[in-house]
C-alpha atoms as a PDB file:
ATOM      1  CA  MET A   1      23.270 114.183  30.594  1.00  0.00           C
ATOM      2  CA  GLU A   2      26.570 115.264  31.315  1.00  0.00           C
ATOM      3  CA  ALA A   3      28.131 113.344  28.914  1.00  0.00           C
ATOM      4  CA  ALA A   4      25.421 114.801  26.159  1.00  0.00           C
ATOM      5  CA  ALA A   5      25.864 118.168  27.496  1.00  0.00           C
ATOM      6  CA  LYS A   6      29.780 117.864  26.708  1.00  0.00           C
ATOM      7  CA  ARG A   7      28.944 117.607  23.213  1.00  0.00           C
ATOM      8  CA  GLY A   8      26.787 119.867  23.042  1.00  0.00           C
ATOM      9  CA  ARG A   9      23.535 118.066  23.038  1.00  0.00           C
ATOM     10  CA  ASN A  10      20.707 119.597  25.211  1.00  0.00           C
ATOM     11  CA  GLY A  11      17.587 117.432  25.907  1.00  0.00           C
ATOM     12  CA  GLY A  12      14.054 118.819  25.468  1.00  0.00           C
ATOM     13  CA  ARG A  13      11.830 120.062  23.262  1.00  0.00           C
ATOM     14  CA  PRO A  14      12.985 122.902  20.769  1.00  0.00           C
ATOM     15  CA  SER A  15      10.966 126.192  21.593  1.00  0.00           C
ATOM     16  CA  VAL A  16       7.871 127.292  19.020  1.00  0.00           C
ATOM     17  CA  VAL A  17       8.539 130.655  19.850  1.00  0.00           C
ATOM     18  CA  ASP A  18      10.991 132.374  18.159  1.00  0.00           C
ATOM     19  CA  ASP A  19      12.946 135.664  17.989  1.00  0.00           C
ATOM     20  CA  ASP A  20      10.444 137.278  15.650  1.00  0.00           C
ATOM     21  CA  LYS A  21       7.032 135.748  16.992  1.00  0.00           C
ATOM     22  CA  ARG A  22       7.665 137.061  20.837  1.00  0.00           C
ATOM     23  CA  PRO A  23       7.594 140.656  20.448  1.00  0.00           C
ATOM     24  CA  ALA A  24       5.289 140.628  17.350  1.00  0.00           C
ATOM     25  CA  SER A  25       2.814 138.452  19.862  1.00  0.00           C
ATOM     26  CA  LEU A  26       3.718 140.829  22.885  1.00  0.00           C
ATOM     27  CA  ALA A  27       2.900 143.975  20.717  1.00  0.00           C
ATOM     28  CA  ARG A  28      -0.516 142.449  19.540  1.00  0.00           C
ATOM     29  CA  HIS A  29      -1.215 142.198  23.094  1.00  0.00           C
ATOM     30  CA  ALA A  30       0.031 145.885  23.929  1.00  0.00           C
ATOM     31  CA  GLU A  31      -2.472 146.602  21.190  1.00  0.00           C
ATOM     32  CA  GLY A  32      -5.539 145.124  23.034  1.00  0.00           C
ATOM     33  CA  GLN A  33      -6.014 142.096  20.772  1.00  0.00           C
ATOM     34  CA  ALA A  34      -7.372 138.824  22.391  1.00  0.00           C
ATOM     35  CA  LEU A  35      -5.082 136.148  22.803  1.00  0.00           C
ATOM     36  CA  ARG A  36      -7.058 133.740  20.133  1.00  0.00           C
ATOM     37  CA  GLU A  37      -6.565 136.609  17.727  1.00  0.00           C
ATOM     38  CA  ILE A  38      -3.054 136.629  18.380  1.00  0.00           C
ATOM     39  CA  HIS A  39      -2.486 132.907  17.832  1.00  0.00           C
ATOM     40  CA  ARG A  40      -3.885 132.717  14.894  1.00  0.00           C
ATOM     41  CA  GLY A  41      -2.228 135.542  13.442  1.00  0.00           C
ATOM     42  CA  VAL A  42       1.373 134.542  14.656  1.00  0.00           C
ATOM     43  CA  GLY A  43       0.715 130.801  13.850  1.00  0.00           C
ATOM     44  CA  VAL A  44       1.682 129.167  17.461  1.00  0.00           C
ATOM     45  CA  SER A  45      -1.209 127.899  19.768  1.00  0.00           C
ATOM     46  CA  LEU A  46      -3.055 129.494  22.717  1.00  0.00           C
ATOM     47  CA  ALA A  47      -1.051 127.818  25.147  1.00  0.00           C
ATOM     48  CA  VAL A  48       2.026 129.191  23.807  1.00  0.00           C
ATOM     49  CA  VAL A  49       0.504 132.771  23.450  1.00  0.00           C
ATOM     50  CA  HIS A  50      -0.451 132.610  27.586  1.00  0.00           C
ATOM     51  CA  GLY A  51       2.960 131.282  28.115  1.00  0.00           C
ATOM     52  CA  VAL A  52       4.582 134.464  26.439  1.00  0.00           C
ATOM     53  CA  VAL A  53       2.036 137.014  27.837  1.00  0.00           C
ATOM     54  CA  ALA A  54       2.560 135.258  31.230  1.00  0.00           C
ATOM     55  CA  ALA A  55       6.318 135.257  31.194  1.00  0.00           C
ATOM     56  CA  ALA A  56       6.313 138.703  30.290  1.00  0.00           C
ATOM     57  CA  ARG A  57       4.207 139.964  33.037  1.00  0.00           C
ATOM     58  CA  SER A  58       6.432 137.932  35.385  1.00  0.00           C
ATOM     59  CA  THR A  59       9.481 139.695  34.209  1.00  0.00           C
ATOM     60  CA  GLU A  60       7.997 142.991  34.176  1.00  0.00           C
ATOM     61  CA  THR A  61       6.741 142.479  38.089  1.00  0.00           C
ATOM     62  CA  ALA A  62      10.186 141.256  39.136  1.00  0.00           C
ATOM     63  CA  GLU A  63      11.679 144.162  37.540  1.00  0.00           C
ATOM     64  CA  GLU A  64       9.063 146.456  39.250  1.00  0.00           C
ATOM     65  CA  THR A  65      10.135 145.078  42.696  1.00  0.00           C
ATOM     66  CA  VAL A  66      13.878 145.618  42.086  1.00  0.00           C
END
């Protein structure tokens, strides 16, 4: 792994959510859209939308405790 990292190669699958899809998903969620509607509209899986929303909630919670 270290040799690969030195060559600039990182393991793992590339993220499906790019810089456009994450804010779009969160904005739709803030408007009150259902997660299923968001996943159909943005073009990612329902599990990905759940992950994006959960990550945003955990970030908000962490910021509130600081």
